[in-house]
Amino acid sequence: MRLRVEFTTEPFDLDEAPAHALAAREVIQVAELDAVDVGPFGNTAEGGADAVLTAVDALLRRSLDAGATRVSLQVNVIGEGEK
Protein backbone atom coordinates (compact mmCIF):
# COMPACT_ATOMS: atom_id res chain seq x y z
CA MET A 1 0.00 0.00 0.00
CA ARG A 2 1.19 3.52 -0.85
CA LEU A 3 0.32 6.57 1.22
CA ARG A 4 0.51 10.32 0.73
CA VAL A 5 0.93 12.57 3.76
CA GLU A 6 0.31 16.31 3.72
CA PHE A 7 1.16 18.35 6.80
CA THR A 8 1.74 21.79 8.28
CA THR A 9 3.03 22.86 11.67
CA GLU A 10 2.05 25.96 13.62
CA PRO A 11 2.51 28.66 14.76
CA PHE A 12 3.53 30.24 11.46
CA ASP A 13 6.35 32.73 11.16
CA LEU A 14 6.55 34.53 7.83
CA ASP A 15 10.02 35.95 8.52
CA GLU A 16 11.87 32.67 9.07
CA ALA A 17 11.04 29.00 9.42
CA PRO A 18 10.46 28.14 13.09
CA ALA A 19 12.33 25.28 14.75
CA HIS A 20 9.27 23.00 14.70
CA ALA A 21 8.87 23.43 10.93
CA LEU A 22 12.56 22.70 10.34
CA ALA A 23 12.38 19.60 12.55
CA ALA A 24 9.35 18.24 10.67
CA ARG A 25 10.93 18.92 7.27
CA GLU A 26 14.17 17.26 8.29
CA VAL A 27 12.30 14.11 9.33
CA ILE A 28 10.53 13.94 5.96
CA GLN A 29 13.65 14.70 3.93
CA VAL A 30 15.74 11.95 5.54
CA ALA A 31 12.95 9.34 5.63
CA GLU A 32 12.82 6.65 2.98
CA LEU A 33 10.05 8.42 1.06
CA ASP A 34 9.67 9.55 -2.51
CA ALA A 35 7.92 12.49 -4.15
CA VAL A 36 8.80 14.81 -1.24
CA ASP A 37 7.62 18.40 -1.74
CA VAL A 38 8.54 20.89 0.99
CA GLY A 39 6.95 24.33 0.86
CA PRO A 40 6.40 27.37 3.08
CA PHE A 41 2.74 26.59 3.84
CA GLY A 42 2.57 22.82 3.46
CA ASN A 43 4.56 19.70 2.82
CA THR A 44 3.74 16.51 0.95
CA ALA A 45 5.46 13.15 0.71
CA GLU A 46 4.61 9.72 -0.64
CA GLY A 47 5.90 6.26 0.01
CA GLY A 48 5.14 2.81 1.27
CA ALA A 49 2.79 2.58 4.23
CA ASP A 50 5.45 1.56 6.75
CA ALA A 51 7.82 4.36 5.72
CA VAL A 52 5.09 7.03 5.77
CA LEU A 53 3.69 5.94 9.13
CA THR A 54 7.16 5.81 10.67
CA ALA A 55 7.90 9.30 9.33
CA VAL A 56 4.56 10.66 10.62
CA ASP A 57 5.31 9.35 14.10
CA ALA A 58 8.76 10.97 14.06
CA LEU A 59 7.57 14.28 12.63
CA LEU A 60 4.83 14.57 15.27
CA ARG A 61 7.22 13.84 18.11
CA ARG A 62 10.04 16.08 16.85
CA SER A 63 7.90 19.05 15.81
CA LEU A 64 5.96 19.05 19.09
CA ASP A 65 9.22 18.78 21.04
CA ALA A 66 10.53 21.74 19.00
CA GLY A 67 7.61 23.99 19.94
CA ALA A 68 4.75 23.28 17.54
CA THR A 69 1.38 24.10 19.08
CA ARG A 70 -0.56 22.44 16.27
CA VAL A 71 0.23 19.90 13.58
CA SER A 72 -2.33 19.41 10.84
CA LEU A 73 -1.96 16.35 8.69
CA GLN A 74 -3.83 14.27 6.22
CA VAL A 75 -2.93 10.76 5.12
CA ASN A 76 -4.41 9.28 1.94
CA VAL A 77 -4.13 5.85 0.38
CA ILE A 78 -3.03 6.28 -3.22
CA GLY A 79 -2.88 3.97 -6.19
CA GLU A 80 0.47 2.84 -7.55
CA GLY A 81 0.19 5.07 -10.64
CA GLU A 82 -1.52 8.06 -8.95
CA LYS A 83 0.38 11.30 -8.35
C-alpha atoms as a PDB file:
ATOM      1  CA  MET A   1       0.000   0.000   0.000  1.00  0.00           C
ATOM      2  CA  ARG A   2       1.192   3.519  -0.850  1.00  0.00           C
ATOM      3  CA  LEU A   3       0.319   6.566   1.219  1.00  0.00           C
ATOM      4  CA  ARG A   4       0.515  10.317   0.729  1.00  0.00           C
ATOM      5  CA  VAL A   5       0.932  12.571   3.763  1.00  0.00           C
ATOM      6  CA  GLU A   6       0.308  16.305   3.717  1.00  0.00           C
ATOM      7  CA  PHE A   7       1.164  18.354   6.801  1.00  0.00           C
ATOM      8  CA  THR A   8       1.737  21.788   8.278  1.00  0.00           C
ATOM      9  CA  THR A   9       3.028  22.864  11.670  1.00  0.00           C
ATOM     10  CA  GLU A  10       2.054  25.960  13.617  1.00  0.00           C
ATOM     11  CA  PRO A  11       2.514  28.656  14.758  1.00  0.00           C
ATOM     12  CA  PHE A  12       3.525  30.240  11.460  1.00  0.00           C
ATOM     13  CA  ASP A  13       6.348  32.728  11.160  1.00  0.00           C
ATOM     14  CA  LEU A  14       6.550  34.532   7.828  1.00  0.00           C
ATOM     15  CA  ASP A  15      10.017  35.952   8.517  1.00  0.00           C
ATOM     16  CA  GLU A  16      11.872  32.672   9.074  1.00  0.00           C
ATOM     17  CA  ALA A  17      11.041  29.003   9.421  1.00  0.00           C
ATOM     18  CA  PRO A  18      10.455  28.137  13.088  1.00  0.00           C
ATOM     19  CA  ALA A  19      12.335  25.277  14.755  1.00  0.00           C
ATOM     20  CA  HIS A  20       9.268  23.002  14.697  1.00  0.00           C
ATOM     21  CA  ALA A  21       8.871  23.426  10.926  1.00  0.00           C
ATOM     22  CA  LEU A  22      12.555  22.703  10.341  1.00  0.00           C
ATOM     23  CA  ALA A  23      12.376  19.595  12.551  1.00  0.00           C
ATOM     24  CA  ALA A  24       9.347  18.236  10.666  1.00  0.00           C
ATOM     25  CA  ARG A  25      10.926  18.923   7.272  1.00  0.00           C
ATOM     26  CA  GLU A  26      14.169  17.257   8.291  1.00  0.00           C
ATOM     27  CA  VAL A  27      12.295  14.108   9.330  1.00  0.00           C
ATOM     28  CA  ILE A  28      10.534  13.939   5.962  1.00  0.00           C
ATOM     29  CA  GLN A  29      13.651  14.697   3.930  1.00  0.00           C
ATOM     30  CA  VAL A  30      15.742  11.953   5.536  1.00  0.00           C
ATOM     31  CA  ALA A  31      12.951   9.343   5.629  1.00  0.00           C
ATOM     32  CA  GLU A  32      12.821   6.645   2.982  1.00  0.00           C
ATOM     33  CA  LEU A  33      10.053   8.416   1.060  1.00  0.00           C
ATOM     34  CA  ASP A  34       9.671   9.550  -2.512  1.00  0.00           C
ATOM     35  CA  ALA A  35       7.920  12.493  -4.148  1.00  0.00           C
ATOM     36  CA  VAL A  36       8.803  14.807  -1.237  1.00  0.00           C
ATOM     37  CA  ASP A  37       7.617  18.401  -1.741  1.00  0.00           C
ATOM     38  CA  VAL A  38       8.544  20.888   0.995  1.00  0.00           C
ATOM     39  CA  GLY A  39       6.954  24.332   0.860  1.00  0.00           C
ATOM     40  CA  PRO A  40       6.401  27.370   3.075  1.00  0.00           C
ATOM     41  CA  PHE A  41       2.741  26.589   3.839  1.00  0.00           C
ATOM     42  CA  GLY A  42       2.566  22.823   3.456  1.00  0.00           C
ATOM     43  CA  ASN A  43       4.559  19.704   2.825  1.00  0.00           C
ATOM     44  CA  THR A  44       3.740  16.515   0.948  1.00  0.00           C
ATOM     45  CA  ALA A  45       5.458  13.148   0.714  1.00  0.00           C
ATOM     46  CA  GLU A  46       4.608   9.722  -0.638  1.00  0.00           C
ATOM     47  CA  GLY A  47       5.900   6.256   0.005  1.00  0.00           C
ATOM     48  CA  GLY A  48       5.144   2.810   1.266  1.00  0.00           C
ATOM     49  CA  ALA A  49       2.792   2.578   4.230  1.00  0.00           C
ATOM     50  CA  ASP A  50       5.452   1.560   6.755  1.00  0.00           C
ATOM     51  CA  ALA A  51       7.816   4.358   5.716  1.00  0.00           C
ATOM     52  CA  VAL A  52       5.091   7.028   5.767  1.00  0.00           C
ATOM     53  CA  LEU A  53       3.689   5.935   9.132  1.00  0.00           C
ATOM     54  CA  THR A  54       7.162   5.813  10.671  1.00  0.00           C
ATOM     55  CA  ALA A  55       7.899   9.299   9.326  1.00  0.00           C
ATOM     56  CA  VAL A  56       4.555  10.658  10.616  1.00  0.00           C
ATOM     57  CA  ASP A  57       5.309   9.352  14.103  1.00  0.00           C
ATOM     58  CA  ALA A  58       8.758  10.966  14.057  1.00  0.00           C
ATOM     59  CA  LEU A  59       7.571  14.283  12.634  1.00  0.00           C
ATOM     60  CA  LEU A  60       4.828  14.572  15.267  1.00  0.00           C
ATOM     61  CA  ARG A  61       7.219  13.842  18.109  1.00  0.00           C
ATOM     62  CA  ARG A  62      10.035  16.077  16.848  1.00  0.00           C
ATOM     63  CA  SER A  63       7.905  19.045  15.811  1.00  0.00           C
ATOM     64  CA  LEU A  64       5.956  19.049  19.094  1.00  0.00           C
ATOM     65  CA  ASP A  65       9.217  18.777  21.039  1.00  0.00           C
ATOM     66  CA  ALA A  66      10.532  21.740  19.002  1.00  0.00           C
ATOM     67  CA  GLY A  67       7.611  23.987  19.938  1.00  0.00           C
ATOM     68  CA  ALA A  68       4.749  23.279  17.540  1.00  0.00           C
ATOM     69  CA  THR A  69       1.382  24.095  19.076  1.00  0.00           C
ATOM     70  CA  ARG A  70      -0.560  22.437  16.272  1.00  0.00           C
ATOM     71  CA  VAL A  71       0.227  19.901  13.576  1.00  0.00           C
ATOM     72  CA  SER A  72      -2.330  19.412  10.838  1.00  0.00           C
ATOM     73  CA  LEU A  73      -1.965  16.348   8.691  1.00  0.00           C
ATOM     74  CA  GLN A  74      -3.832  14.269   6.224  1.00  0.00           C
ATOM     75  CA  VAL A  75      -2.928  10.758   5.117  1.00  0.00           C
ATOM     76  CA  ASN A  76      -4.408   9.278   1.936  1.00  0.00           C
ATOM     77  CA  VAL A  77      -4.125   5.846   0.379  1.00  0.00           C
ATOM     78  CA  ILE A  78      -3.026   6.282  -3.216  1.00  0.00           C
ATOM     79  CA  GLY A  79      -2.883   3.967  -6.190  1.00  0.00           C
ATOM     80  CA  GLU A  80       0.468   2.844  -7.549  1.00  0.00           C
ATOM     81  CA  GLY A  81       0.194   5.075 -10.636  1.00  0.00           C
ATOM     82  CA  GLU A  82      -1.521   8.059  -8.947  1.00  0.00           C
ATOM     83  CA  LYS A  83       0.379  11.302  -8.353  1.00  0.00           C
END
